[in-house]
Every structure is written in C-alpha cells, then in structure tokens.
Amino acid sequence: MQVLPAPTPDDPARSRASADDWLAAARNMMMVRGVDHGRILTLADKLDVWRSSFCWFWRDRAALLTALIDLWRQSNRQEILRQPIAPPVTSPRPC
C-alpha cells in the first residue's frame, strides 16, 4: 500500500469555496438529512475544502444557520411578492 503525502494548505485539489457554496451545501444537506447533519466538517468534506475556510465567512455554526435562515426568508419573501394579489371574495348577500 502506497502512503500518500499529507496535503498542504495550498493544495490545488482543495479549491476555495465561496460563502454561497457553503450556504448551498448546508441547505442541501439539511434538506436531505436534517439540521443535525449540517456540521462544518461534513460540509467541508462535501465541498472538498479545508474546514478552516469556513472561518473566512462565519464565526461558528450558529452564524451559518442564521445566514441560512436569512437566505430562506429573503427567497420566500421574493416568491410571495411575485404572486398576484387576488381580489377580495365578496358575499352575494349581506350577512
């Protein structure tokens, strides 16, 4: 069995992930497996990056979850605003 050298921090095989990449990975992981599986190390492995790159964008996992909730609120708000407003339903006779 051949022993491979330990990867270095500048290893090109470990590309850099953006904040959007981290959010997308967290969202996908949590939708499929639940909130408990959205751990930093698990997400880093999924993104094929060093887990320390997480710290460029967030202080901790709670900050990532807060950003994910903000993203969810914003995307849902935009969807609601795109919906046409239905006219009020009127009753044929007074109550």
PDB file of N, CA and C in Angstrom:
ATOM      1  N   MET A   1       0.836  -1.177   0.000  1.00  0.00           N
ATOM      2  CA  MET A   1       0.000   0.000   0.000  1.00  0.00           C
ATOM      3  C   MET A   1       0.881   1.240   0.000  1.00  0.00           C
ATOM      4  N   GLN A   2       0.602   2.149  -0.894  1.00  0.00           N
ATOM      5  CA  GLN A   2       1.399   3.366  -1.018  1.00  0.00           C
ATOM      6  C   GLN A   2       0.857   4.430  -0.073  1.00  0.00           C
ATOM      7  N   VAL A   3       1.772   5.060   0.647  1.00  0.00           N
ATOM      8  CA  VAL A   3       1.394   6.146   1.549  1.00  0.00           C
ATOM      9  C   VAL A   3       1.524   7.455   0.786  1.00  0.00           C
ATOM     10  N   LEU A   4       0.438   8.185   0.733  1.00  0.00           N
ATOM     11  CA  LEU A   4       0.448   9.473   0.036  1.00  0.00           C
ATOM     12  C   LEU A   4       0.887  10.574   0.983  1.00  0.00           C
ATOM     13  N   PRO A   5       1.554  11.606   0.470  1.00  0.00           N
ATOM     14  CA  PRO A   5       1.960  12.699   1.343  1.00  0.00           C
ATOM     15  C   PRO A   5       0.740  13.457   1.860  1.00  0.00           C
ATOM     16  N   ALA A   6       0.890  14.025   3.043  1.00  0.00           N
ATOM     17  CA  ALA A   6      -0.204  14.808   3.622  1.00  0.00           C
ATOM     18  C   ALA A   6      -0.443  16.039   2.760  1.00  0.00           C
ATOM     19  N   PRO A   7      -1.701  16.394   2.540  1.00  0.00           N
ATOM     20  CA  PRO A   7      -1.980  17.580   1.738  1.00  0.00           C
ATOM     21  C   PRO A   7      -1.504  18.843   2.447  1.00  0.00           C
ATOM     22  N   THR A   8      -1.147  19.807   1.682  1.00  0.00           N
ATOM     23  CA  THR A   8      -0.690  21.085   2.234  1.00  0.00           C
ATOM     24  C   THR A   8      -1.804  22.118   2.091  1.00  0.00           C
ATOM     25  N   PRO A   9      -1.738  23.206   2.865  1.00  0.00           N
ATOM     26  CA  PRO A   9      -2.799  24.213   2.775  1.00  0.00           C
ATOM     27  C   PRO A   9      -2.967  24.823   1.382  1.00  0.00           C
ATOM     28  N   ASP A  10      -1.897  24.823   0.580  1.00  0.00           N
ATOM     29  CA  ASP A  10      -2.010  25.400  -0.764  1.00  0.00           C
ATOM     30  C   ASP A  10      -2.270  24.324  -1.828  1.00  0.00           C
ATOM     31  N   ASP A  11      -2.745  23.172  -1.382  1.00  0.00           N
ATOM     32  CA  ASP A  11      -3.044  22.060  -2.280  1.00  0.00           C
ATOM     33  C   ASP A  11      -4.142  22.470  -3.265  1.00  0.00           C
ATOM     34  N   PRO A  12      -3.860  22.466  -4.581  1.00  0.00           N
ATOM     35  CA  PRO A  12      -4.882  22.868  -5.549  1.00  0.00           C
ATOM     36  C   PRO A  12      -6.065  21.916  -5.597  1.00  0.00           C
ATOM     37  N   ALA A  13      -5.901  20.704  -5.067  1.00  0.00           N
ATOM     38  CA  ALA A  13      -7.016  19.762  -5.051  1.00  0.00           C
ATOM     39  C   ALA A  13      -8.124  20.227  -4.108  1.00  0.00           C
ATOM     40  N   ARG A  14      -7.757  21.064  -3.164  1.00  0.00           N
ATOM     41  CA  ARG A  14      -8.731  21.617  -2.222  1.00  0.00           C
ATOM     42  C   ARG A  14      -9.021  23.052  -2.622  1.00  0.00           C
ATOM     43  N   SER A  15      -9.950  23.215  -3.544  1.00  0.00           N
ATOM     44  CA  SER A  15     -10.268  24.549  -4.038  1.00  0.00           C
ATOM     45  C   SER A  15     -11.000  25.344  -2.963  1.00  0.00           C
ATOM     46  N   ARG A  16     -11.053  26.625  -3.158  1.00  0.00           N
ATOM     47  CA  ARG A  16     -11.688  27.507  -2.192  1.00  0.00           C
ATOM     48  C   ARG A  16     -13.194  27.594  -2.464  1.00  0.00           C
ATOM     49  N   ALA A  17     -13.976  27.540  -1.422  1.00  0.00           N
ATOM     50  CA  ALA A  17     -15.430  27.643  -1.544  1.00  0.00           C
ATOM     51  C   ALA A  17     -15.865  29.043  -1.149  1.00  0.00           C
ATOM     52  N   SER A  18     -16.870  29.548  -1.838  1.00  0.00           N
ATOM     53  CA  SER A  18     -17.415  30.868  -1.513  1.00  0.00           C
ATOM     54  C   SER A  18     -18.470  30.723  -0.412  1.00  0.00           C
ATOM     55  N   ALA A  19     -18.903  31.848   0.111  1.00  0.00           N
ATOM     56  CA  ALA A  19     -19.970  31.845   1.111  1.00  0.00           C
ATOM     57  C   ALA A  19     -21.232  31.214   0.520  1.00  0.00           C
ATOM     58  N   ASP A  20     -21.513  31.518  -0.744  1.00  0.00           N
ATOM     59  CA  ASP A  20     -22.679  30.924  -1.410  1.00  0.00           C
ATOM     60  C   ASP A  20     -22.545  29.407  -1.517  1.00  0.00           C
ATOM     61  N   ASP A  21     -21.323  28.923  -1.763  1.00  0.00           N
ATOM     62  CA  ASP A  21     -21.103  27.469  -1.827  1.00  0.00           C
ATOM     63  C   ASP A  21     -21.402  26.819  -0.477  1.00  0.00           C
ATOM     64  N   TRP A  22     -20.926  27.442   0.599  1.00  0.00           N
ATOM     65  CA  TRP A  22     -21.180  26.920   1.940  1.00  0.00           C
ATOM     66  C   TRP A  22     -22.683  26.911   2.242  1.00  0.00           C
ATOM     67  N   LEU A  23     -23.366  28.009   1.889  1.00  0.00           N
ATOM     68  CA  LEU A  23     -24.810  28.089   2.141  1.00  0.00           C
ATOM     69  C   LEU A  23     -25.577  27.034   1.342  1.00  0.00           C
ATOM     70  N   ALA A  24     -25.214  26.871   0.082  1.00  0.00           N
ATOM     71  CA  ALA A  24     -25.887  25.881  -0.757  1.00  0.00           C
ATOM     72  C   ALA A  24     -25.659  24.469  -0.222  1.00  0.00           C
ATOM     73  N   ALA A  25     -24.432  24.173   0.178  1.00  0.00           N
ATOM     74  CA  ALA A  25     -24.130  22.844   0.722  1.00  0.00           C
ATOM     75  C   ALA A  25     -24.901  22.608   2.020  1.00  0.00           C
ATOM     76  N   ALA A  26     -24.955  23.623   2.878  1.00  0.00           N
ATOM     77  CA  ALA A  26     -25.689  23.492   4.141  1.00  0.00           C
ATOM     78  C   ALA A  26     -27.173  23.296   3.871  1.00  0.00           C
ATOM     79  N   ARG A  27     -27.724  24.081   2.970  1.00  0.00           N
ATOM     80  CA  ARG A  27     -29.147  23.967   2.637  1.00  0.00           C
ATOM     81  C   ARG A  27     -29.465  22.569   2.097  1.00  0.00           C
ATOM     82  N   ASN A  28     -28.665  22.111   1.168  1.00  0.00           N
ATOM     83  CA  ASN A  28     -28.906  20.790   0.569  1.00  0.00           C
ATOM     84  C   ASN A  28     -28.766  19.675   1.596  1.00  0.00           C
ATOM     85  N   MET A  29     -27.735  19.752   2.415  1.00  0.00           N
ATOM     86  CA  MET A  29     -27.505  18.713   3.418  1.00  0.00           C
ATOM     87  C   MET A  29     -28.653  18.673   4.422  1.00  0.00           C
ATOM     88  N   MET A  30     -29.102  19.839   4.847  1.00  0.00           N
ATOM     89  CA  MET A  30     -30.164  19.887   5.851  1.00  0.00           C
ATOM     90  C   MET A  30     -31.514  19.483   5.284  1.00  0.00           C
ATOM     91  N   MET A  31     -31.751  19.770   4.018  1.00  0.00           N
ATOM     92  CA  MET A  31     -32.999  19.350   3.391  1.00  0.00           C
ATOM     93  C   MET A  31     -33.058  17.831   3.264  1.00  0.00           C
ATOM     94  N   VAL A  32     -31.923  17.220   2.989  1.00  0.00           N
ATOM     95  CA  VAL A  32     -31.881  15.772   2.774  1.00  0.00           C
ATOM     96  C   VAL A  32     -31.766  15.007   4.089  1.00  0.00           C
ATOM     97  N   ARG A  33     -30.900  15.480   4.984  1.00  0.00           N
ATOM     98  CA  ARG A  33     -30.582  14.681   6.174  1.00  0.00           C
ATOM     99  C   ARG A  33     -30.964  15.329   7.494  1.00  0.00           C
ATOM    100  N   GLY A  34     -31.401  16.599   7.478  1.00  0.00           N
ATOM    101  CA  GLY A  34     -31.798  17.276   8.714  1.00  0.00           C
ATOM    102  C   GLY A  34     -30.712  18.194   9.244  1.00  0.00           C
ATOM    103  N   VAL A  35     -31.108  19.045  10.176  1.00  0.00           N
ATOM    104  CA  VAL A  35     -30.215  20.077  10.716  1.00  0.00           C
ATOM    105  C   VAL A  35     -28.997  19.478  11.414  1.00  0.00           C
ATOM    106  N   ASP A  36     -29.167  18.360  12.089  1.00  0.00           N
ATOM    107  CA  ASP A  36     -28.053  17.759  12.820  1.00  0.00           C
ATOM    108  C   ASP A  36     -26.901  17.335  11.916  1.00  0.00           C
ATOM    109  N   HIS A  37     -27.173  17.137  10.632  1.00  0.00           N
ATOM    110  CA  HIS A  37     -26.121  16.694   9.715  1.00  0.00           C
ATOM    111  C   HIS A  37     -25.429  17.864   9.020  1.00  0.00           C
ATOM    112  N   GLY A  38     -25.835  19.076   9.297  1.00  0.00           N
ATOM    113  CA  GLY A  38     -25.185  20.241   8.703  1.00  0.00           C
ATOM    114  C   GLY A  38     -23.993  20.693   9.521  1.00  0.00           C
ATOM    115  N   ARG A  39     -23.085  19.804   9.778  1.00  0.00           N
ATOM    116  CA  ARG A  39     -21.877  20.113  10.557  1.00  0.00           C
ATOM    117  C   ARG A  39     -20.790  20.673   9.646  1.00  0.00           C
ATOM    118  N   ILE A  40     -19.919  21.476  10.203  1.00  0.00           N
ATOM    119  CA  ILE A  40     -18.875  22.151   9.421  1.00  0.00           C
ATOM    120  C   ILE A  40     -17.972  21.140   8.730  1.00  0.00           C
ATOM    121  N   LEU A  41     -17.501  20.135   9.449  1.00  0.00           N
ATOM    122  CA  LEU A  41     -16.598  19.144   8.852  1.00  0.00           C
ATOM    123  C   LEU A  41     -17.297  18.370   7.732  1.00  0.00           C
ATOM    124  N   THR A  42     -18.555  18.006   7.944  1.00  0.00           N
ATOM    125  CA  THR A  42     -19.313  17.292   6.919  1.00  0.00           C
ATOM    126  C   THR A  42     -19.465  18.144   5.661  1.00  0.00           C
ATOM    127  N   LEU A  43     -19.778  19.420   5.855  1.00  0.00           N
ATOM    128  CA  LEU A  43     -19.935  20.326   4.717  1.00  0.00           C
ATOM    129  C   LEU A  43     -18.610  20.548   4.003  1.00  0.00           C
ATOM    130  N   ALA A  44     -17.527  20.690   4.766  1.00  0.00           N
ATOM    131  CA  ALA A  44     -16.199  20.869   4.160  1.00  0.00           C
ATOM    132  C   ALA A  44     -15.840  19.664   3.303  1.00  0.00           C
ATOM    133  N   ASP A  45     -16.116  18.477   3.799  1.00  0.00           N
ATOM    134  CA  ASP A  45     -15.846  17.267   3.014  1.00  0.00           C
ATOM    135  C   ASP A  45     -16.678  17.260   1.734  1.00  0.00           C
ATOM    136  N   LYS A  46     -17.940  17.649   1.846  1.00  0.00           N
ATOM    137  CA  LYS A  46     -18.816  17.687   0.670  1.00  0.00           C
ATOM    138  C   LYS A  46     -18.303  18.689  -0.362  1.00  0.00           C
ATOM    139  N   LEU A  47     -17.797  19.830   0.118  1.00  0.00           N
ATOM    140  CA  LEU A  47     -17.268  20.869  -0.778  1.00  0.00           C
ATOM    141  C   LEU A  47     -15.833  20.590  -1.223  1.00  0.00           C
ATOM    142  N   ASP A  48     -15.198  19.609  -0.599  1.00  0.00           N
ATOM    143  CA  ASP A  48     -13.802  19.272  -0.861  1.00  0.00           C
ATOM    144  C   ASP A  48     -12.883  20.464  -0.590  1.00  0.00           C
ATOM    145  N   VAL A  49     -13.095  21.077   0.579  1.00  0.00           N
ATOM    146  CA  VAL A  49     -12.262  22.196   1.017  1.00  0.00           C
ATOM    147  C   VAL A  49     -11.834  21.942   2.464  1.00  0.00           C
ATOM    148  N   TRP A  50     -10.881  22.716   2.927  1.00  0.00           N
ATOM    149  CA  TRP A  50     -10.461  22.643   4.323  1.00  0.00           C
ATOM    150  C   TRP A  50     -11.534  23.270   5.180  1.00  0.00           C
ATOM    151  N   ARG A  51     -11.788  22.668   6.333  1.00  0.00           N
ATOM    152  CA  ARG A  51     -12.840  23.227   7.193  1.00  0.00           C
ATOM    153  C   ARG A  51     -12.476  24.601   7.727  1.00  0.00           C
ATOM    154  N   SER A  52     -11.192  24.926   7.773  1.00  0.00           N
ATOM    155  CA  SER A  52     -10.787  26.257   8.235  1.00  0.00           C
ATOM    156  C   SER A  52     -11.246  27.356   7.276  1.00  0.00           C
ATOM    157  N   SER A  53     -11.549  27.008   6.019  1.00  0.00           N
ATOM    158  CA  SER A  53     -12.035  28.023   5.083  1.00  0.00           C
ATOM    159  C   SER A  53     -13.417  28.527   5.500  1.00  0.00           C
ATOM    160  N   PHE A  54     -14.120  27.743   6.302  1.00  0.00           N
ATOM    161  CA  PHE A  54     -15.410  28.158   6.849  1.00  0.00           C
ATOM    162  C   PHE A  54     -15.267  29.470   7.613  1.00  0.00           C
ATOM    163  N   CYS A  55     -14.154  29.609   8.338  1.00  0.00           N
ATOM    164  CA  CYS A  55     -13.938  30.767   9.215  1.00  0.00           C
ATOM    165  C   CYS A  55     -13.755  32.073   8.451  1.00  0.00           C
ATOM    166  N   TRP A  56     -13.547  32.014   7.161  1.00  0.00           N
ATOM    167  CA  TRP A  56     -13.468  33.247   6.361  1.00  0.00           C
ATOM    168  C   TRP A  56     -14.824  33.925   6.295  1.00  0.00           C
ATOM    169  N   PHE A  57     -15.883  33.149   6.463  1.00  0.00           N
ATOM    170  CA  PHE A  57     -17.229  33.678   6.253  1.00  0.00           C
ATOM    171  C   PHE A  57     -18.067  33.759   7.529  1.00  0.00           C
ATOM    172  N   TRP A  58     -17.901  32.812   8.448  1.00  0.00           N
ATOM    173  CA  TRP A  58     -18.724  32.780   9.656  1.00  0.00           C
ATOM    174  C   TRP A  58     -17.893  32.482  10.880  1.00  0.00           C
ATOM    175  N   ARG A  59     -18.391  32.982  12.010  1.00  0.00           N
ATOM    176  CA  ARG A  59     -17.710  32.794  13.293  1.00  0.00           C
ATOM    177  C   ARG A  59     -17.875  31.349  13.787  1.00  0.00           C
ATOM    178  N   ASP A  60     -19.078  30.800  13.577  1.00  0.00           N
ATOM    179  CA  ASP A  60     -19.368  29.450  14.055  1.00  0.00           C
ATOM    180  C   ASP A  60     -20.574  28.897  13.312  1.00  0.00           C
ATOM    181  N   ARG A  61     -20.973  27.693  13.687  1.00  0.00           N
ATOM    182  CA  ARG A  61     -22.098  27.039  13.013  1.00  0.00           C
ATOM    183  C   ARG A  61     -23.392  27.826  13.197  1.00  0.00           C
ATOM    184  N   ALA A  62     -23.571  28.419  14.359  1.00  0.00           N
ATOM    185  CA  ALA A  62     -24.782  29.213  14.616  1.00  0.00           C
ATOM    186  C   ALA A  62     -24.882  30.379  13.631  1.00  0.00           C
ATOM    187  N   ALA A  63     -23.750  30.988  13.307  1.00  0.00           N
ATOM    188  CA  ALA A  63     -23.751  32.095  12.339  1.00  0.00           C
ATOM    189  C   ALA A  63     -24.133  31.594  10.938  1.00  0.00           C
ATOM    190  N   LEU A  64     -23.674  30.400  10.578  1.00  0.00           N
ATOM    191  CA  LEU A  64     -24.064  29.809   9.298  1.00  0.00           C
ATOM    192  C   LEU A  64     -25.569  29.545   9.270  1.00  0.00           C
ATOM    193  N   LEU A  65     -26.093  28.999  10.354  1.00  0.00           N
ATOM    194  CA  LEU A  65     -27.533  28.728  10.422  1.00  0.00           C
ATOM    195  C   LEU A  65     -28.347  30.020  10.343  1.00  0.00           C
ATOM    196  N   THR A  66     -27.865  31.071  10.982  1.00  0.00           N
ATOM    197  CA  THR A  66     -28.535  32.371  10.904  1.00  0.00           C
ATOM    198  C   THR A  66     -28.529  32.883   9.471  1.00  0.00           C
ATOM    199  N   ALA A  67     -27.401  32.765   8.792  1.00  0.00           N
ATOM    200  CA  ALA A  67     -27.322  33.192   7.388  1.00  0.00           C
ATOM    201  C   ALA A  67     -28.259  32.356   6.511  1.00  0.00           C
ATOM    202  N   LEU A  68     -28.372  31.082   6.820  1.00  0.00           N
ATOM    203  CA  LEU A  68     -29.260  30.201   6.062  1.00  0.00           C
ATOM    204  C   LEU A  68     -30.729  30.594   6.276  1.00  0.00           C
ATOM    205  N   ILE A  69     -31.077  30.926   7.490  1.00  0.00           N
ATOM    206  CA  ILE A  69     -32.451  31.381   7.784  1.00  0.00           C
ATOM    207  C   ILE A  69     -32.721  32.701   7.077  1.00  0.00           C
ATOM    208  N   ASP A  70     -31.753  33.625   7.088  1.00  0.00           N
ATOM    209  CA  ASP A  70     -31.916  34.901   6.379  1.00  0.00           C
ATOM    210  C   ASP A  70     -32.117  34.677   4.884  1.00  0.00           C
ATOM    211  N   LEU A  71     -31.343  33.768   4.312  1.00  0.00           N
ATOM    212  CA  LEU A  71     -31.478  33.446   2.892  1.00  0.00           C
ATOM    213  C   LEU A  71     -32.864  32.864   2.608  1.00  0.00           C
ATOM    214  N   TRP A  72     -33.333  31.985   3.469  1.00  0.00           N
ATOM    215  CA  TRP A  72     -34.651  31.384   3.318  1.00  0.00           C
ATOM    216  C   TRP A  72     -35.744  32.454   3.384  1.00  0.00           C
ATOM    217  N   ARG A  73     -35.630  33.356   4.360  1.00  0.00           N
ATOM    218  CA  ARG A  73     -36.623  34.432   4.480  1.00  0.00           C
ATOM    219  C   ARG A  73     -36.642  35.305   3.228  1.00  0.00           C
ATOM    220  N   GLN A  74     -35.466  35.658   2.754  1.00  0.00           N
ATOM    221  CA  GLN A  74     -35.377  36.525   1.575  1.00  0.00           C
ATOM    222  C   GLN A  74     -35.952  35.838   0.341  1.00  0.00           C
ATOM    223  N   SER A  75     -35.627  34.579   0.140  1.00  0.00           N
ATOM    224  CA  SER A  75     -36.129  33.881  -1.048  1.00  0.00           C
ATOM    225  C   SER A  75     -37.641  33.690  -0.966  1.00  0.00           C
ATOM    226  N   ASN A  76     -38.160  33.410   0.220  1.00  0.00           N
ATOM    227  CA  ASN A  76     -39.613  33.261   0.361  1.00  0.00           C
ATOM    228  C   ASN A  76     -40.317  34.599   0.209  1.00  0.00           C
ATOM    229  N   ARG A  77     -39.721  35.656   0.706  1.00  0.00           N
ATOM    230  CA  ARG A  77     -40.316  36.990   0.571  1.00  0.00           C
ATOM    231  C   ARG A  77     -40.419  37.360  -0.902  1.00  0.00           C
ATOM    232  N   GLN A  78     -39.381  37.091  -1.662  1.00  0.00           N
ATOM    233  CA  GLN A  78     -39.398  37.404  -3.092  1.00  0.00           C
ATOM    234  C   GLN A  78     -40.481  36.596  -3.809  1.00  0.00           C
ATOM    235  N   GLU A  79     -40.644  35.338  -3.431  1.00  0.00           N
ATOM    236  CA  GLU A  79     -41.665  34.490  -4.053  1.00  0.00           C
ATOM    237  C   GLU A  79     -43.063  35.012  -3.740  1.00  0.00           C
ATOM    238  N   ILE A  80     -43.282  35.414  -2.515  1.00  0.00           N
ATOM    239  CA  ILE A  80     -44.593  35.949  -2.126  1.00  0.00           C
ATOM    240  C   ILE A  80     -44.885  37.241  -2.872  1.00  0.00           C
ATOM    241  N   LEU A  81     -43.882  38.104  -3.005  1.00  0.00           N
ATOM    242  CA  LEU A  81     -44.090  39.375  -3.693  1.00  0.00           C
ATOM    243  C   LEU A  81     -44.379  39.197  -5.179  1.00  0.00           C
ATOM    244  N   ARG A  82     -43.916  38.105  -5.770  1.00  0.00           N
ATOM    245  CA  ARG A  82     -44.175  37.842  -7.190  1.00  0.00           C
ATOM    246  C   ARG A  82     -45.590  37.343  -7.450  1.00  0.00           C
ATOM    247  N   GLN A  83     -46.260  36.873  -6.421  1.00  0.00           N
ATOM    248  CA  GLN A  83     -47.606  36.326  -6.582  1.00  0.00           C
ATOM    249  C   GLN A  83     -48.601  37.460  -6.839  1.00  0.00           C
ATOM    250  N   PRO A  84     -49.524  37.259  -7.771  1.00  0.00           N
ATOM    251  CA  PRO A  84     -50.550  38.277  -7.991  1.00  0.00           C
ATOM    252  C   PRO A  84     -51.498  38.343  -6.793  1.00  0.00           C
ATOM    253  N   ILE A  85     -51.991  39.521  -6.543  1.00  0.00           N
ATOM    254  CA  ILE A  85     -52.924  39.702  -5.437  1.00  0.00           C
ATOM    255  C   ILE A  85     -54.330  39.402  -5.946  1.00  0.00           C
ATOM    256  N   ALA A  86     -54.985  38.475  -5.298  1.00  0.00           N
ATOM    257  CA  ALA A  86     -56.339  38.088  -5.698  1.00  0.00           C
ATOM    258  C   ALA A  86     -57.332  39.133  -5.190  1.00  0.00           C
ATOM    259  N   PRO A  87     -58.369  39.380  -5.967  1.00  0.00           N
ATOM    260  CA  PRO A  87     -59.392  40.319  -5.486  1.00  0.00           C
ATOM    261  C   PRO A  87     -60.111  39.724  -4.279  1.00  0.00           C
ATOM    262  N   PRO A  88     -60.625  40.569  -3.399  1.00  0.00           N
ATOM    263  CA  PRO A  88     -61.310  40.051  -2.219  1.00  0.00           C
ATOM    264  C   PRO A  88     -62.570  39.285  -2.621  1.00  0.00           C
ATOM    265  N   VAL A  89     -62.867  38.263  -1.869  1.00  0.00           N
ATOM    266  CA  VAL A  89     -64.063  37.482  -2.123  1.00  0.00           C
ATOM    267  C   VAL A  89     -65.241  38.216  -1.497  1.00  0.00           C
ATOM    268  N   THR A  90     -66.275  38.449  -2.281  1.00  0.00           N
ATOM    269  CA  THR A  90     -67.457  39.133  -1.744  1.00  0.00           C
ATOM    270  C   THR A  90     -68.609  38.167  -1.657  1.00  0.00           C
ATOM    271  N   SER A  91     -69.371  38.364  -0.702  1.00  0.00           N
ATOM    272  CA  SER A  91     -70.535  37.523  -0.481  1.00  0.00           C
ATOM    273  C   SER A  91     -71.695  38.049  -1.335  1.00  0.00           C
ATOM    274  N   PRO A  92     -72.519  37.159  -1.917  1.00  0.00           N
ATOM    275  CA  PRO A  92     -73.614  37.625  -2.779  1.00  0.00           C
ATOM    276  C   PRO A  92     -74.687  38.404  -2.014  1.00  0.00           C
ATOM    277  N   ARG A  93     -74.769  38.189  -0.717  1.00  0.00           N
ATOM    278  CA  ARG A  93     -75.747  38.941   0.060  1.00  0.00           C
ATOM    279  C   ARG A  93     -75.139  39.320   1.402  1.00  0.00           C
ATOM    280  N   PRO A  94     -75.615  40.354   2.007  1.00  0.00           N
ATOM    281  CA  PRO A  94     -75.047  40.762   3.313  1.00  0.00           C
ATOM    282  C   PRO A  94     -75.343  39.719   4.390  1.00  0.00           C
ATOM    283  N   CYS A  95     -74.454  39.626   5.320  1.00  0.00           N
ATOM    284  CA  CYS A  95     -74.624  38.671   6.427  1.00  0.00           C
ATOM    285  C   CYS A  95     -75.475  39.230   7.518  1.00  0.00           C
TER     286      CYS A  95
END
